[in-house]
Amino acid sequence: MLEDRMGKRLPLSWFQRVAAEVLARHGIVMEDEWPVHDDAGQHVASLDLANVALKVGLECQSIEYHATAADVAQDIHRKRTLRRMGWDVTELWWSDLDRIDAVVDDLMLAFERARRLGL
């Protein structure tokens, strides 16, 4: 396993690791912890998982970090900024693991949209 991960980013959360593994079983492999910066070089977000070439991200959401009004407001601002930068971001909550086919469909639609736009 260590050899497999050499030279690659390691996910920060267990949820992210589970998400990456489940998506890989569906043929979707994404980069871990992808930093996104604006034109001025300011850090906008670290996407939990990302298809960088197509600018499609996945954020693994949990109640622990995304439940308060302030958290929600921060998430909305970050997602709007990412959208303006051309990123399409899908959310994944723990409960979504029970409906992973729908999440896979959402990601496939995002990939297809990006391809049509020529990204």
PDB file of N, CA and C in Angstrom:
ATOM      1  N   MET A   1       0.824  -1.192   0.000  1.00  0.00           N
ATOM      2  CA  MET A   1       0.000   0.000   0.000  1.00  0.00           C
ATOM      3  C   MET A   1       0.861   1.246   0.000  1.00  0.00           C
ATOM      4  N   LEU A   2       1.952   1.207   0.754  1.00  0.00           N
ATOM      5  CA  LEU A   2       2.822   2.366   0.833  1.00  0.00           C
ATOM      6  C   LEU A   2       3.405   2.689  -0.542  1.00  0.00           C
ATOM      7  N   GLU A   3       3.878   1.670  -1.254  1.00  0.00           N
ATOM      8  CA  GLU A   3       4.407   1.883  -2.597  1.00  0.00           C
ATOM      9  C   GLU A   3       3.362   2.495  -3.508  1.00  0.00           C
ATOM     10  N   ASP A   4       2.126   2.054  -3.349  1.00  0.00           N
ATOM     11  CA  ASP A   4       1.010   2.573  -4.146  1.00  0.00           C
ATOM     12  C   ASP A   4       0.814   4.069  -3.938  1.00  0.00           C
ATOM     13  N   ARG A   5       1.082   4.563  -2.732  1.00  0.00           N
ATOM     14  CA  ARG A   5       0.808   5.960  -2.392  1.00  0.00           C
ATOM     15  C   ARG A   5       2.027   6.860  -2.539  1.00  0.00           C
ATOM     16  N   MET A   6       3.192   6.303  -2.807  1.00  0.00           N
ATOM     17  CA  MET A   6       4.405   7.117  -2.902  1.00  0.00           C
ATOM     18  C   MET A   6       4.251   8.192  -3.974  1.00  0.00           C
ATOM     19  N   GLY A   7       4.567   9.417  -3.612  1.00  0.00           N
ATOM     20  CA  GLY A   7       4.508  10.523  -4.551  1.00  0.00           C
ATOM     21  C   GLY A   7       3.110  11.063  -4.788  1.00  0.00           C
ATOM     22  N   LYS A   8       2.127  10.560  -4.064  1.00  0.00           N
ATOM     23  CA  LYS A   8       0.751  11.010  -4.234  1.00  0.00           C
ATOM     24  C   LYS A   8       0.277  11.692  -2.957  1.00  0.00           C
ATOM     25  N   ARG A   9      -0.699  12.575  -3.115  1.00  0.00           N
ATOM     26  CA  ARG A   9      -1.306  13.203  -1.945  1.00  0.00           C
ATOM     27  C   ARG A   9      -2.098  12.149  -1.166  1.00  0.00           C
ATOM     28  N   LEU A  10      -2.055  12.248   0.143  1.00  0.00           N
ATOM     29  CA  LEU A  10      -2.862  11.369   0.986  1.00  0.00           C
ATOM     30  C   LEU A  10      -4.098  12.135   1.443  1.00  0.00           C
ATOM     31  N   PRO A  11      -5.254  11.518   1.410  1.00  0.00           N
ATOM     32  CA  PRO A  11      -6.460  12.198   1.863  1.00  0.00           C
ATOM     33  C   PRO A  11      -6.394  12.510   3.354  1.00  0.00           C
ATOM     34  N   LEU A  12      -6.991  13.639   3.732  1.00  0.00           N
ATOM     35  CA  LEU A  12      -6.969  14.049   5.121  1.00  0.00           C
ATOM     36  C   LEU A  12      -8.015  13.336   5.973  1.00  0.00           C
ATOM     37  N   SER A  13      -9.107  12.901   5.365  1.00  0.00           N
ATOM     38  CA  SER A  13     -10.175  12.321   6.167  1.00  0.00           C
ATOM     39  C   SER A  13     -10.478  10.883   5.751  1.00  0.00           C
ATOM     40  N   TRP A  14     -11.024  10.138   6.722  1.00  0.00           N
ATOM     41  CA  TRP A  14     -11.444   8.764   6.429  1.00  0.00           C
ATOM     42  C   TRP A  14     -12.588   8.765   5.427  1.00  0.00           C
ATOM     43  N   PHE A  15     -13.479   9.726   5.563  1.00  0.00           N
ATOM     44  CA  PHE A  15     -14.613   9.815   4.650  1.00  0.00           C
ATOM     45  C   PHE A  15     -14.116   9.990   3.220  1.00  0.00           C
ATOM     46  N   GLN A  16     -13.142  10.833   3.049  1.00  0.00           N
ATOM     47  CA  GLN A  16     -12.555  11.060   1.726  1.00  0.00           C
ATOM     48  C   GLN A  16     -11.929   9.775   1.180  1.00  0.00           C
ATOM     49  N   ARG A  17     -11.281   9.038   2.036  1.00  0.00           N
ATOM     50  CA  ARG A  17     -10.672   7.765   1.617  1.00  0.00           C
ATOM     51  C   ARG A  17     -11.749   6.772   1.179  1.00  0.00           C
ATOM     52  N   VAL A  18     -12.826   6.701   1.963  1.00  0.00           N
ATOM     53  CA  VAL A  18     -13.935   5.808   1.626  1.00  0.00           C
ATOM     54  C   VAL A  18     -14.546   6.242   0.294  1.00  0.00           C
ATOM     55  N   ALA A  19     -14.775   7.544   0.126  1.00  0.00           N
ATOM     56  CA  ALA A  19     -15.374   8.062  -1.105  1.00  0.00           C
ATOM     57  C   ALA A  19     -14.508   7.716  -2.317  1.00  0.00           C
ATOM     58  N   ALA A  20     -13.210   7.929  -2.204  1.00  0.00           N
ATOM     59  CA  ALA A  20     -12.308   7.634  -3.320  1.00  0.00           C
ATOM     60  C   ALA A  20     -12.357   6.155  -3.682  1.00  0.00           C
ATOM     61  N   GLU A  21     -12.385   5.298  -2.679  1.00  0.00           N
ATOM     62  CA  GLU A  21     -12.430   3.853  -2.925  1.00  0.00           C
ATOM     63  C   GLU A  21     -13.740   3.442  -3.583  1.00  0.00           C
ATOM     64  N   VAL A  22     -14.849   3.959  -3.078  1.00  0.00           N
ATOM     65  CA  VAL A  22     -16.161   3.614  -3.637  1.00  0.00           C
ATOM     66  C   VAL A  22     -16.269   4.107  -5.080  1.00  0.00           C
ATOM     67  N   LEU A  23     -15.811   5.322  -5.341  1.00  0.00           N
ATOM     68  CA  LEU A  23     -15.866   5.851  -6.709  1.00  0.00           C
ATOM     69  C   LEU A  23     -14.944   5.062  -7.641  1.00  0.00           C
ATOM     70  N   ALA A  24     -13.781   4.657  -7.144  1.00  0.00           N
ATOM     71  CA  ALA A  24     -12.856   3.869  -7.962  1.00  0.00           C
ATOM     72  C   ALA A  24     -13.505   2.550  -8.389  1.00  0.00           C
ATOM     73  N   ARG A  25     -14.327   1.982  -7.524  1.00  0.00           N
ATOM     74  CA  ARG A  25     -15.042   0.743  -7.879  1.00  0.00           C
ATOM     75  C   ARG A  25     -16.030   0.978  -9.015  1.00  0.00           C
ATOM     76  N   HIS A  26     -16.408   2.241  -9.205  1.00  0.00           N
ATOM     77  CA  HIS A  26     -17.312   2.612 -10.298  1.00  0.00           C
ATOM     78  C   HIS A  26     -16.542   3.208 -11.482  1.00  0.00           C
ATOM     79  N   GLY A  27     -15.222   3.063 -11.460  1.00  0.00           N
ATOM     80  CA  GLY A  27     -14.401   3.522 -12.574  1.00  0.00           C
ATOM     81  C   GLY A  27     -14.064   5.000 -12.548  1.00  0.00           C
ATOM     82  N   ILE A  28     -14.297   5.677 -11.422  1.00  0.00           N
ATOM     83  CA  ILE A  28     -13.999   7.105 -11.317  1.00  0.00           C
ATOM     84  C   ILE A  28     -12.818   7.285 -10.375  1.00  0.00           C
ATOM     85  N   VAL A  29     -11.709   7.745 -10.934  1.00  0.00           N
ATOM     86  CA  VAL A  29     -10.503   7.994 -10.148  1.00  0.00           C
ATOM     87  C   VAL A  29     -10.232   9.496 -10.178  1.00  0.00           C
ATOM     88  N   MET A  30     -10.094  10.075  -8.990  1.00  0.00           N
ATOM     89  CA  MET A  30      -9.897  11.518  -8.879  1.00  0.00           C
ATOM     90  C   MET A  30      -8.693  11.802  -7.989  1.00  0.00           C
ATOM     91  N   GLU A  31      -8.136  12.997  -8.128  1.00  0.00           N
ATOM     92  CA  GLU A  31      -6.993  13.429  -7.319  1.00  0.00           C
ATOM     93  C   GLU A  31      -7.468  13.778  -5.909  1.00  0.00           C
ATOM     94  N   ASP A  32      -6.656  13.461  -4.917  1.00  0.00           N
ATOM     95  CA  ASP A  32      -6.944  13.822  -3.532  1.00  0.00           C
ATOM     96  C   ASP A  32      -6.485  15.241  -3.239  1.00  0.00           C
ATOM     97  N   GLU A  33      -7.279  15.961  -2.419  1.00  0.00           N
ATOM     98  CA  GLU A  33      -6.879  17.255  -1.870  1.00  0.00           C
ATOM     99  C   GLU A  33      -6.318  18.212  -2.922  1.00  0.00           C
ATOM    100  N   TRP A  34      -7.106  18.533  -3.929  1.00  0.00           N
ATOM    101  CA  TRP A  34      -6.619  19.393  -5.009  1.00  0.00           C
ATOM    102  C   TRP A  34      -6.798  20.862  -4.631  1.00  0.00           C
ATOM    103  N   PRO A  35      -5.683  21.622  -4.542  1.00  0.00           N
ATOM    104  CA  PRO A  35      -5.788  23.043  -4.209  1.00  0.00           C
ATOM    105  C   PRO A  35      -6.208  23.859  -5.434  1.00  0.00           C
ATOM    106  N   VAL A  36      -7.164  24.753  -5.231  1.00  0.00           N
ATOM    107  CA  VAL A  36      -7.626  25.637  -6.304  1.00  0.00           C
ATOM    108  C   VAL A  36      -7.271  27.067  -5.912  1.00  0.00           C
ATOM    109  N   HIS A  37      -6.616  27.774  -6.832  1.00  0.00           N
ATOM    110  CA  HIS A  37      -6.218  29.163  -6.605  1.00  0.00           C
ATOM    111  C   HIS A  37      -6.851  30.049  -7.665  1.00  0.00           C
ATOM    112  N   ASP A  38      -7.146  31.290  -7.295  1.00  0.00           N
ATOM    113  CA  ASP A  38      -7.699  32.224  -8.272  1.00  0.00           C
ATOM    114  C   ASP A  38      -6.572  32.833  -9.103  1.00  0.00           C
ATOM    115  N   ASP A  39      -6.929  33.734 -10.015  1.00  0.00           N
ATOM    116  CA  ASP A  39      -5.934  34.342 -10.911  1.00  0.00           C
ATOM    117  C   ASP A  39      -4.861  35.123 -10.157  1.00  0.00           C
ATOM    118  N   ALA A  40      -5.198  35.597  -8.966  1.00  0.00           N
ATOM    119  CA  ALA A  40      -4.243  36.355  -8.163  1.00  0.00           C
ATOM    120  C   ALA A  40      -3.376  35.448  -7.291  1.00  0.00           C
ATOM    121  N   GLY A  41      -3.607  34.142  -7.387  1.00  0.00           N
ATOM    122  CA  GLY A  41      -2.828  33.193  -6.605  1.00  0.00           C
ATOM    123  C   GLY A  41      -3.387  32.923  -5.221  1.00  0.00           C
ATOM    124  N   GLN A  42      -4.556  33.491  -4.916  1.00  0.00           N
ATOM    125  CA  GLN A  42      -5.184  33.267  -3.622  1.00  0.00           C
ATOM    126  C   GLN A  42      -5.803  31.868  -3.562  1.00  0.00           C
ATOM    127  N   HIS A  43      -5.625  31.201  -2.447  1.00  0.00           N
ATOM    128  CA  HIS A  43      -6.207  29.873  -2.257  1.00  0.00           C
ATOM    129  C   HIS A  43      -7.711  30.023  -2.089  1.00  0.00           C
ATOM    130  N   VAL A  44      -8.473  29.346  -2.928  1.00  0.00           N
ATOM    131  CA  VAL A  44      -9.934  29.401  -2.884  1.00  0.00           C
ATOM    132  C   VAL A  44     -10.488  28.185  -2.151  1.00  0.00           C
ATOM    133  N   ALA A  45      -9.941  27.014  -2.448  1.00  0.00           N
ATOM    134  CA  ALA A  45     -10.456  25.781  -1.857  1.00  0.00           C
ATOM    135  C   ALA A  45      -9.458  24.660  -2.041  1.00  0.00           C
ATOM    136  N   SER A  46      -9.598  23.660  -1.207  1.00  0.00           N
ATOM    137  CA  SER A  46      -8.912  22.383  -1.408  1.00  0.00           C
ATOM    138  C   SER A  46     -10.028  21.366  -1.607  1.00  0.00           C
ATOM    139  N   LEU A  47     -10.221  20.971  -2.848  1.00  0.00           N
ATOM    140  CA  LEU A  47     -11.280  20.014  -3.152  1.00  0.00           C
ATOM    141  C   LEU A  47     -10.867  18.642  -2.643  1.00  0.00           C
ATOM    142  N   ASP A  48     -11.783  17.970  -1.977  1.00  0.00           N
ATOM    143  CA  ASP A  48     -11.461  16.656  -1.431  1.00  0.00           C
ATOM    144  C   ASP A  48     -11.009  15.709  -2.532  1.00  0.00           C
ATOM    145  N   LEU A  49     -11.760  15.683  -3.624  1.00  0.00           N
ATOM    146  CA  LEU A  49     -11.414  14.876  -4.795  1.00  0.00           C
ATOM    147  C   LEU A  49     -11.661  15.726  -6.027  1.00  0.00           C
ATOM    148  N   ALA A  50     -10.827  15.570  -7.042  1.00  0.00           N
ATOM    149  CA  ALA A  50     -10.990  16.401  -8.238  1.00  0.00           C
ATOM    150  C   ALA A  50     -10.508  15.692  -9.490  1.00  0.00           C
ATOM    151  N   ASN A  51     -11.249  15.930 -10.574  1.00  0.00           N
ATOM    152  CA  ASN A  51     -10.775  15.608 -11.911  1.00  0.00           C
ATOM    153  C   ASN A  51     -10.305  16.954 -12.444  1.00  0.00           C
ATOM    154  N   VAL A  52      -9.027  17.190 -12.361  1.00  0.00           N
ATOM    155  CA  VAL A  52      -8.451  18.497 -12.646  1.00  0.00           C
ATOM    156  C   VAL A  52      -8.632  18.875 -14.113  1.00  0.00           C
ATOM    157  N   ALA A  53      -8.416  17.943 -15.013  1.00  0.00           N
ATOM    158  CA  ALA A  53      -8.515  18.225 -16.448  1.00  0.00           C
ATOM    159  C   ALA A  53      -9.904  18.727 -16.823  1.00  0.00           C
ATOM    160  N   LEU A  54     -10.944  18.179 -16.175  1.00  0.00           N
ATOM    161  CA  LEU A  54     -12.310  18.559 -16.503  1.00  0.00           C
ATOM    162  C   LEU A  54     -12.883  19.591 -15.533  1.00  0.00           C
ATOM    163  N   LYS A  55     -12.107  19.955 -14.520  1.00  0.00           N
ATOM    164  CA  LYS A  55     -12.535  20.922 -13.503  1.00  0.00           C
ATOM    165  C   LYS A  55     -13.834  20.477 -12.823  1.00  0.00           C
ATOM    166  N   VAL A  56     -13.834  19.209 -12.411  1.00  0.00           N
ATOM    167  CA  VAL A  56     -14.960  18.649 -11.671  1.00  0.00           C
ATOM    168  C   VAL A  56     -14.434  18.232 -10.301  1.00  0.00           C
ATOM    169  N   GLY A  57     -15.094  18.721  -9.263  1.00  0.00           N
ATOM    170  CA  GLY A  57     -14.670  18.405  -7.911  1.00  0.00           C
ATOM    171  C   GLY A  57     -15.743  17.678  -7.133  1.00  0.00           C
ATOM    172  N   LEU A  58     -15.309  17.021  -6.066  1.00  0.00           N
ATOM    173  CA  LEU A  58     -16.224  16.361  -5.149  1.00  0.00           C
ATOM    174  C   LEU A  58     -15.826  16.798  -3.745  1.00  0.00           C
ATOM    175  N   GLU A  59     -16.815  17.264  -2.985  1.00  0.00           N
ATOM    176  CA  GLU A  59     -16.568  17.630  -1.599  1.00  0.00           C
ATOM    177  C   GLU A  59     -17.293  16.653  -0.691  1.00  0.00           C
ATOM    178  N   CYS A  60     -16.550  16.037   0.205  1.00  0.00           N
ATOM    179  CA  CYS A  60     -17.103  15.106   1.177  1.00  0.00           C
ATOM    180  C   CYS A  60     -17.578  15.924   2.375  1.00  0.00           C
ATOM    181  N   GLN A  61     -18.882  15.991   2.534  1.00  0.00           N
ATOM    182  CA  GLN A  61     -19.471  16.843   3.566  1.00  0.00           C
ATOM    183  C   GLN A  61     -19.800  16.025   4.810  1.00  0.00           C
ATOM    184  N   SER A  62     -19.631  16.650   5.955  1.00  0.00           N
ATOM    185  CA  SER A  62     -20.004  16.008   7.217  1.00  0.00           C
ATOM    186  C   SER A  62     -20.645  17.057   8.120  1.00  0.00           C
ATOM    187  N   ILE A  63     -21.494  16.590   8.984  1.00  0.00           N
ATOM    188  CA  ILE A  63     -22.172  17.475   9.932  1.00  0.00           C
ATOM    189  C   ILE A  63     -21.148  18.220  10.787  1.00  0.00           C
ATOM    190  N   GLU A  64     -20.054  17.542  11.102  1.00  0.00           N
ATOM    191  CA  GLU A  64     -19.034  18.122  11.985  1.00  0.00           C
ATOM    192  C   GLU A  64     -18.498  19.455  11.454  1.00  0.00           C
ATOM    193  N   TYR A  65     -18.321  19.567  10.144  1.00  0.00           N
ATOM    194  CA  TYR A  65     -17.698  20.763   9.580  1.00  0.00           C
ATOM    195  C   TYR A  65     -18.626  21.606   8.712  1.00  0.00           C
ATOM    196  N   HIS A  66     -19.846  21.172   8.509  1.00  0.00           N
ATOM    197  CA  HIS A  66     -20.720  21.882   7.563  1.00  0.00           C
ATOM    198  C   HIS A  66     -22.139  22.100   8.085  1.00  0.00           C
ATOM    199  N   ALA A  67     -22.324  22.165   9.405  1.00  0.00           N
ATOM    200  CA  ALA A  67     -23.676  22.211   9.959  1.00  0.00           C
ATOM    201  C   ALA A  67     -24.135  23.592  10.420  1.00  0.00           C
ATOM    202  N   THR A  68     -23.229  24.421  10.861  1.00  0.00           N
ATOM    203  CA  THR A  68     -23.648  25.712  11.410  1.00  0.00           C
ATOM    204  C   THR A  68     -23.989  26.697  10.293  1.00  0.00           C
ATOM    205  N   ALA A  69     -24.701  27.748  10.655  1.00  0.00           N
ATOM    206  CA  ALA A  69     -25.050  28.784   9.672  1.00  0.00           C
ATOM    207  C   ALA A  69     -23.790  29.396   9.070  1.00  0.00           C
ATOM    208  N   ALA A  70     -22.778  29.599   9.882  1.00  0.00           N
ATOM    209  CA  ALA A  70     -21.522  30.163   9.370  1.00  0.00           C
ATOM    210  C   ALA A  70     -20.852  29.199   8.392  1.00  0.00           C
ATOM    211  N   ASP A  71     -20.879  27.905   8.700  1.00  0.00           N
ATOM    212  CA  ASP A  71     -20.304  26.895   7.805  1.00  0.00           C
ATOM    213  C   ASP A  71     -21.032  26.893   6.462  1.00  0.00           C
ATOM    214  N   VAL A  72     -22.363  26.937   6.520  1.00  0.00           N
ATOM    215  CA  VAL A  72     -23.169  26.918   5.302  1.00  0.00           C
ATOM    216  C   VAL A  72     -22.868  28.151   4.457  1.00  0.00           C
ATOM    217  N   ALA A  73     -22.801  29.328   5.090  1.00  0.00           N
ATOM    218  CA  ALA A  73     -22.502  30.559   4.366  1.00  0.00           C
ATOM    219  C   ALA A  73     -21.122  30.500   3.715  1.00  0.00           C
ATOM    220  N   GLN A  74     -20.153  29.972   4.429  1.00  0.00           N
ATOM    221  CA  GLN A  74     -18.794  29.833   3.884  1.00  0.00           C
ATOM    222  C   GLN A  74     -18.790  28.862   2.708  1.00  0.00           C
ATOM    223  N   ASP A  75     -19.503  27.742   2.837  1.00  0.00           N
ATOM    224  CA  ASP A  75     -19.597  26.759   1.753  1.00  0.00           C
ATOM    225  C   ASP A  75     -20.234  27.376   0.506  1.00  0.00           C
ATOM    226  N   ILE A  76     -21.301  28.128   0.691  1.00  0.00           N
ATOM    227  CA  ILE A  76     -21.986  28.764  -0.445  1.00  0.00           C
ATOM    228  C   ILE A  76     -21.053  29.731  -1.157  1.00  0.00           C
ATOM    229  N   HIS A  77     -20.349  30.546  -0.389  1.00  0.00           N
ATOM    230  CA  HIS A  77     -19.410  31.510  -0.989  1.00  0.00           C
ATOM    231  C   HIS A  77     -18.311  30.792  -1.770  1.00  0.00           C
ATOM    232  N   ARG A  78     -17.734  29.742  -1.169  1.00  0.00           N
ATOM    233  CA  ARG A  78     -16.659  28.991  -1.830  1.00  0.00           C
ATOM    234  C   ARG A  78     -17.161  28.339  -3.116  1.00  0.00           C
ATOM    235  N   LYS A  79     -18.351  27.740  -3.062  1.00  0.00           N
ATOM    236  CA  LYS A  79     -18.890  27.067  -4.249  1.00  0.00           C
ATOM    237  C   LYS A  79     -19.223  28.060  -5.355  1.00  0.00           C
ATOM    238  N   ARG A  80     -19.737  29.220  -5.001  1.00  0.00           N
ATOM    239  CA  ARG A  80     -20.002  30.243  -6.024  1.00  0.00           C
ATOM    240  C   ARG A  80     -18.705  30.697  -6.681  1.00  0.00           C
ATOM    241  N   THR A  81     -17.684  30.884  -5.865  1.00  0.00           N
ATOM    242  CA  THR A  81     -16.383  31.295  -6.406  1.00  0.00           C
ATOM    243  C   THR A  81     -15.837  30.214  -7.330  1.00  0.00           C
ATOM    244  N   LEU A  82     -15.919  28.960  -6.911  1.00  0.00           N
ATOM    245  CA  LEU A  82     -15.448  27.857  -7.752  1.00  0.00           C
ATOM    246  C   LEU A  82     -16.238  27.793  -9.057  1.00  0.00           C
ATOM    247  N   ARG A  83     -17.555  27.990  -8.981  1.00  0.00           N
ATOM    248  CA  ARG A  83     -18.391  27.961 -10.185  1.00  0.00           C
ATOM    249  C   ARG A  83     -17.964  29.063 -11.156  1.00  0.00           C
ATOM    250  N   ARG A  84     -17.712  30.257 -10.632  1.00  0.00           N
ATOM    251  CA  ARG A  84     -17.254  31.362 -11.495  1.00  0.00           C
ATOM    252  C   ARG A  84     -15.909  31.045 -12.148  1.00  0.00           C
ATOM    253  N   MET A  85     -15.124  30.207 -11.501  1.00  0.00           N
ATOM    254  CA  MET A  85     -13.818  29.813 -12.034  1.00  0.00           C
ATOM    255  C   MET A  85     -13.927  28.623 -12.989  1.00  0.00           C
ATOM    256  N   GLY A  86     -15.144  28.141 -13.221  1.00  0.00           N
ATOM    257  CA  GLY A  86     -15.343  27.054 -14.171  1.00  0.00           C
ATOM    258  C   GLY A  86     -15.410  25.669 -13.563  1.00  0.00           C
ATOM    259  N   TRP A  87     -15.395  25.571 -12.239  1.00  0.00           N
ATOM    260  CA  TRP A  87     -15.454  24.268 -11.583  1.00  0.00           C
ATOM    261  C   TRP A  87     -16.902  23.843 -11.366  1.00  0.00           C
ATOM    262  N   ASP A  88     -17.150  22.564 -11.522  1.00  0.00           N
ATOM    263  CA  ASP A  88     -18.436  21.955 -11.208  1.00  0.00           C
ATOM    264  C   ASP A  88     -18.185  21.065  -9.996  1.00  0.00           C
ATOM    265  N   VAL A  89     -18.850  21.363  -8.877  1.00  0.00           N
ATOM    266  CA  VAL A  89     -18.581  20.646  -7.633  1.00  0.00           C
ATOM    267  C   VAL A  89     -19.823  19.891  -7.174  1.00  0.00           C
ATOM    268  N   THR A  90     -19.641  18.609  -6.917  1.00  0.00           N
ATOM    269  CA  THR A  90     -20.694  17.739  -6.391  1.00  0.00           C
ATOM    270  C   THR A  90     -20.418  17.488  -4.915  1.00  0.00           C
ATOM    271  N   GLU A  91     -21.482  17.457  -4.132  1.00  0.00           N
ATOM    272  CA  GLU A  91     -21.344  17.148  -2.703  1.00  0.00           C
ATOM    273  C   GLU A  91     -21.616  15.666  -2.468  1.00  0.00           C
ATOM    274  N   LEU A  92     -20.929  15.126  -1.478  1.00  0.00           N
ATOM    275  CA  LEU A  92     -21.161  13.754  -1.045  1.00  0.00           C
ATOM    276  C   LEU A  92     -21.252  13.765   0.472  1.00  0.00           C
ATOM    277  N   TRP A  93     -22.404  13.358   0.995  1.00  0.00           N
ATOM    278  CA  TRP A  93     -22.619  13.221   2.434  1.00  0.00           C
ATOM    279  C   TRP A  93     -22.532  11.740   2.773  1.00  0.00           C
ATOM    280  N   TRP A  94     -22.311  11.415   4.049  1.00  0.00           N
ATOM    281  CA  TRP A  94     -22.233  10.013   4.461  1.00  0.00           C
ATOM    282  C   TRP A  94     -23.458   9.247   3.984  1.00  0.00           C
ATOM    283  N   SER A  95     -24.631   9.861   4.114  1.00  0.00           N
ATOM    284  CA  SER A  95     -25.867   9.171   3.719  1.00  0.00           C
ATOM    285  C   SER A  95     -25.910   8.880   2.221  1.00  0.00           C
ATOM    286  N   ASP A  96     -25.142   9.636   1.433  1.00  0.00           N
ATOM    287  CA  ASP A  96     -25.105   9.412  -0.017  1.00  0.00           C
ATOM    288  C   ASP A  96     -24.413   8.105  -0.385  1.00  0.00           C
ATOM    289  N   LEU A  97     -23.644   7.544   0.535  1.00  0.00           N
ATOM    290  CA  LEU A  97     -22.988   6.267   0.234  1.00  0.00           C
ATOM    291  C   LEU A  97     -24.017   5.165   0.019  1.00  0.00           C
ATOM    292  N   ASP A  98     -25.233   5.360   0.573  1.00  0.00           N
ATOM    293  CA  ASP A  98     -26.314   4.401   0.352  1.00  0.00           C
ATOM    294  C   ASP A  98     -26.973   4.580  -1.007  1.00  0.00           C
ATOM    295  N   ARG A  99     -26.671   5.677  -1.680  1.00  0.00           N
ATOM    296  CA  ARG A  99     -27.234   5.948  -3.005  1.00  0.00           C
ATOM    297  C   ARG A  99     -26.105   6.375  -3.956  1.00  0.00           C
ATOM    298  N   ILE A 100     -25.021   5.653  -3.880  1.00  0.00           N
ATOM    299  CA  ILE A 100     -23.813   6.040  -4.620  1.00  0.00           C
ATOM    300  C   ILE A 100     -24.042   6.068  -6.128  1.00  0.00           C
ATOM    301  N   ASP A 101     -24.968   5.259  -6.628  1.00  0.00           N
ATOM    302  CA  ASP A 101     -25.242   5.291  -8.071  1.00  0.00           C
ATOM    303  C   ASP A 101     -25.710   6.671  -8.516  1.00  0.00           C
ATOM    304  N   ALA A 102     -26.492   7.353  -7.685  1.00  0.00           N
ATOM    305  CA  ALA A 102     -26.957   8.697  -8.021  1.00  0.00           C
ATOM    306  C   ALA A 102     -25.794   9.685  -8.015  1.00  0.00           C
ATOM    307  N   VAL A 103     -24.875   9.530  -7.090  1.00  0.00           N
ATOM    308  CA  VAL A 103     -23.699  10.405  -7.036  1.00  0.00           C
ATOM    309  C   VAL A 103     -22.818  10.158  -8.256  1.00  0.00           C
ATOM    310  N   VAL A 104     -22.626   8.896  -8.604  1.00  0.00           N
ATOM    311  CA  VAL A 104     -21.858   8.556  -9.805  1.00  0.00           C
ATOM    312  C   VAL A 104     -22.516   9.192 -11.029  1.00  0.00           C
ATOM    313  N   ASP A 105     -23.842   9.108 -11.121  1.00  0.00           N
ATOM    314  CA  ASP A 105     -24.557   9.746 -12.239  1.00  0.00           C
ATOM    315  C   ASP A 105     -24.310  11.249 -12.261  1.00  0.00           C
ATOM    316  N   ASP A 106     -24.350  11.899 -11.086  1.00  0.00           N
ATOM    317  CA  ASP A 106     -24.083  13.343 -11.014  1.00  0.00           C
ATOM    318  C   ASP A 106     -22.687  13.667 -11.530  1.00  0.00           C
ATOM    319  N   LEU A 107     -21.713  12.876 -11.112  1.00  0.00           N
ATOM    320  CA  LEU A 107     -20.338  13.105 -11.560  1.00  0.00           C
ATOM    321  C   LEU A 107     -20.201  12.871 -13.069  1.00  0.00           C
ATOM    322  N   MET A 108     -20.827  11.812 -13.574  1.00  0.00           N
ATOM    323  CA  MET A 108     -20.746  11.529 -15.011  1.00  0.00           C
ATOM    324  C   MET A 108     -21.370  12.666 -15.822  1.00  0.00           C
ATOM    325  N   LEU A 109     -22.469  13.233 -15.334  1.00  0.00           N
ATOM    326  CA  LEU A 109     -23.078  14.390 -16.006  1.00  0.00           C
ATOM    327  C   LEU A 109     -22.130  15.588 -15.993  1.00  0.00           C
ATOM    328  N   ALA A 110     -21.475  15.804 -14.873  1.00  0.00           N
ATOM    329  CA  ALA A 110     -20.515  16.910 -14.773  1.00  0.00           C
ATOM    330  C   ALA A 110     -19.343  16.694 -15.734  1.00  0.00           C
ATOM    331  N   PHE A 111     -18.848  15.458 -15.816  1.00  0.00           N
ATOM    332  CA  PHE A 111     -17.763  15.158 -16.752  1.00  0.00           C
ATOM    333  C   PHE A 111     -18.209  15.424 -18.192  1.00  0.00           C
ATOM    334  N   GLU A 112     -19.415  14.979 -18.518  1.00  0.00           N
ATOM    335  CA  GLU A 112     -19.935  15.163 -19.877  1.00  0.00           C
ATOM    336  C   GLU A 112     -20.116  16.646 -20.214  1.00  0.00           C
ATOM    337  N   ARG A 113     -20.649  17.407 -19.267  1.00  0.00           N
ATOM    338  CA  ARG A 113     -20.796  18.866 -19.489  1.00  0.00           C
ATOM    339  C   ARG A 113     -19.447  19.503 -19.768  1.00  0.00           C
ATOM    340  N   ALA A 114     -18.450  19.129 -18.984  1.00  0.00           N
ATOM    341  CA  ALA A 114     -17.108  19.684 -19.159  1.00  0.00           C
ATOM    342  C   ALA A 114     -16.534  19.311 -20.516  1.00  0.00           C
ATOM    343  N   ARG A 115     -16.739  18.080 -20.925  1.00  0.00           N
ATOM    344  CA  ARG A 115     -16.242  17.651 -22.247  1.00  0.00           C
ATOM    345  C   ARG A 115     -16.915  18.431 -23.374  1.00  0.00           C
ATOM    346  N   ARG A 116     -18.235  18.649 -23.233  1.00  0.00           N
ATOM    347  CA  ARG A 116     -18.957  19.420 -24.259  1.00  0.00           C
ATOM    348  C   ARG A 116     -18.458  20.855 -24.340  1.00  0.00           C
ATOM    349  N   LEU A 117     -18.043  21.398 -23.195  1.00  0.00           N
ATOM    350  CA  LEU A 117     -17.517  22.758 -23.164  1.00  0.00           C
ATOM    351  C   LEU A 117     -16.071  22.819 -23.655  1.00  0.00           C
ATOM    352  N   GLY A 118     -15.492  21.643 -23.854  1.00  0.00           N
ATOM    353  CA  GLY A 118     -14.127  21.583 -24.387  1.00  0.00           C
ATOM    354  C   GLY A 118     -13.055  21.772 -23.347  1.00  0.00           C
ATOM    355  N   LEU A 119     -13.349  21.452 -22.094  1.00  0.00           N
ATOM    356  CA  LEU A 119     -12.334  21.575 -21.040  1.00  0.00           C
ATOM    357  C   LEU A 119     -11.372  20.411 -21.076  1.00  0.00           C
TER     358      LEU A 119
END
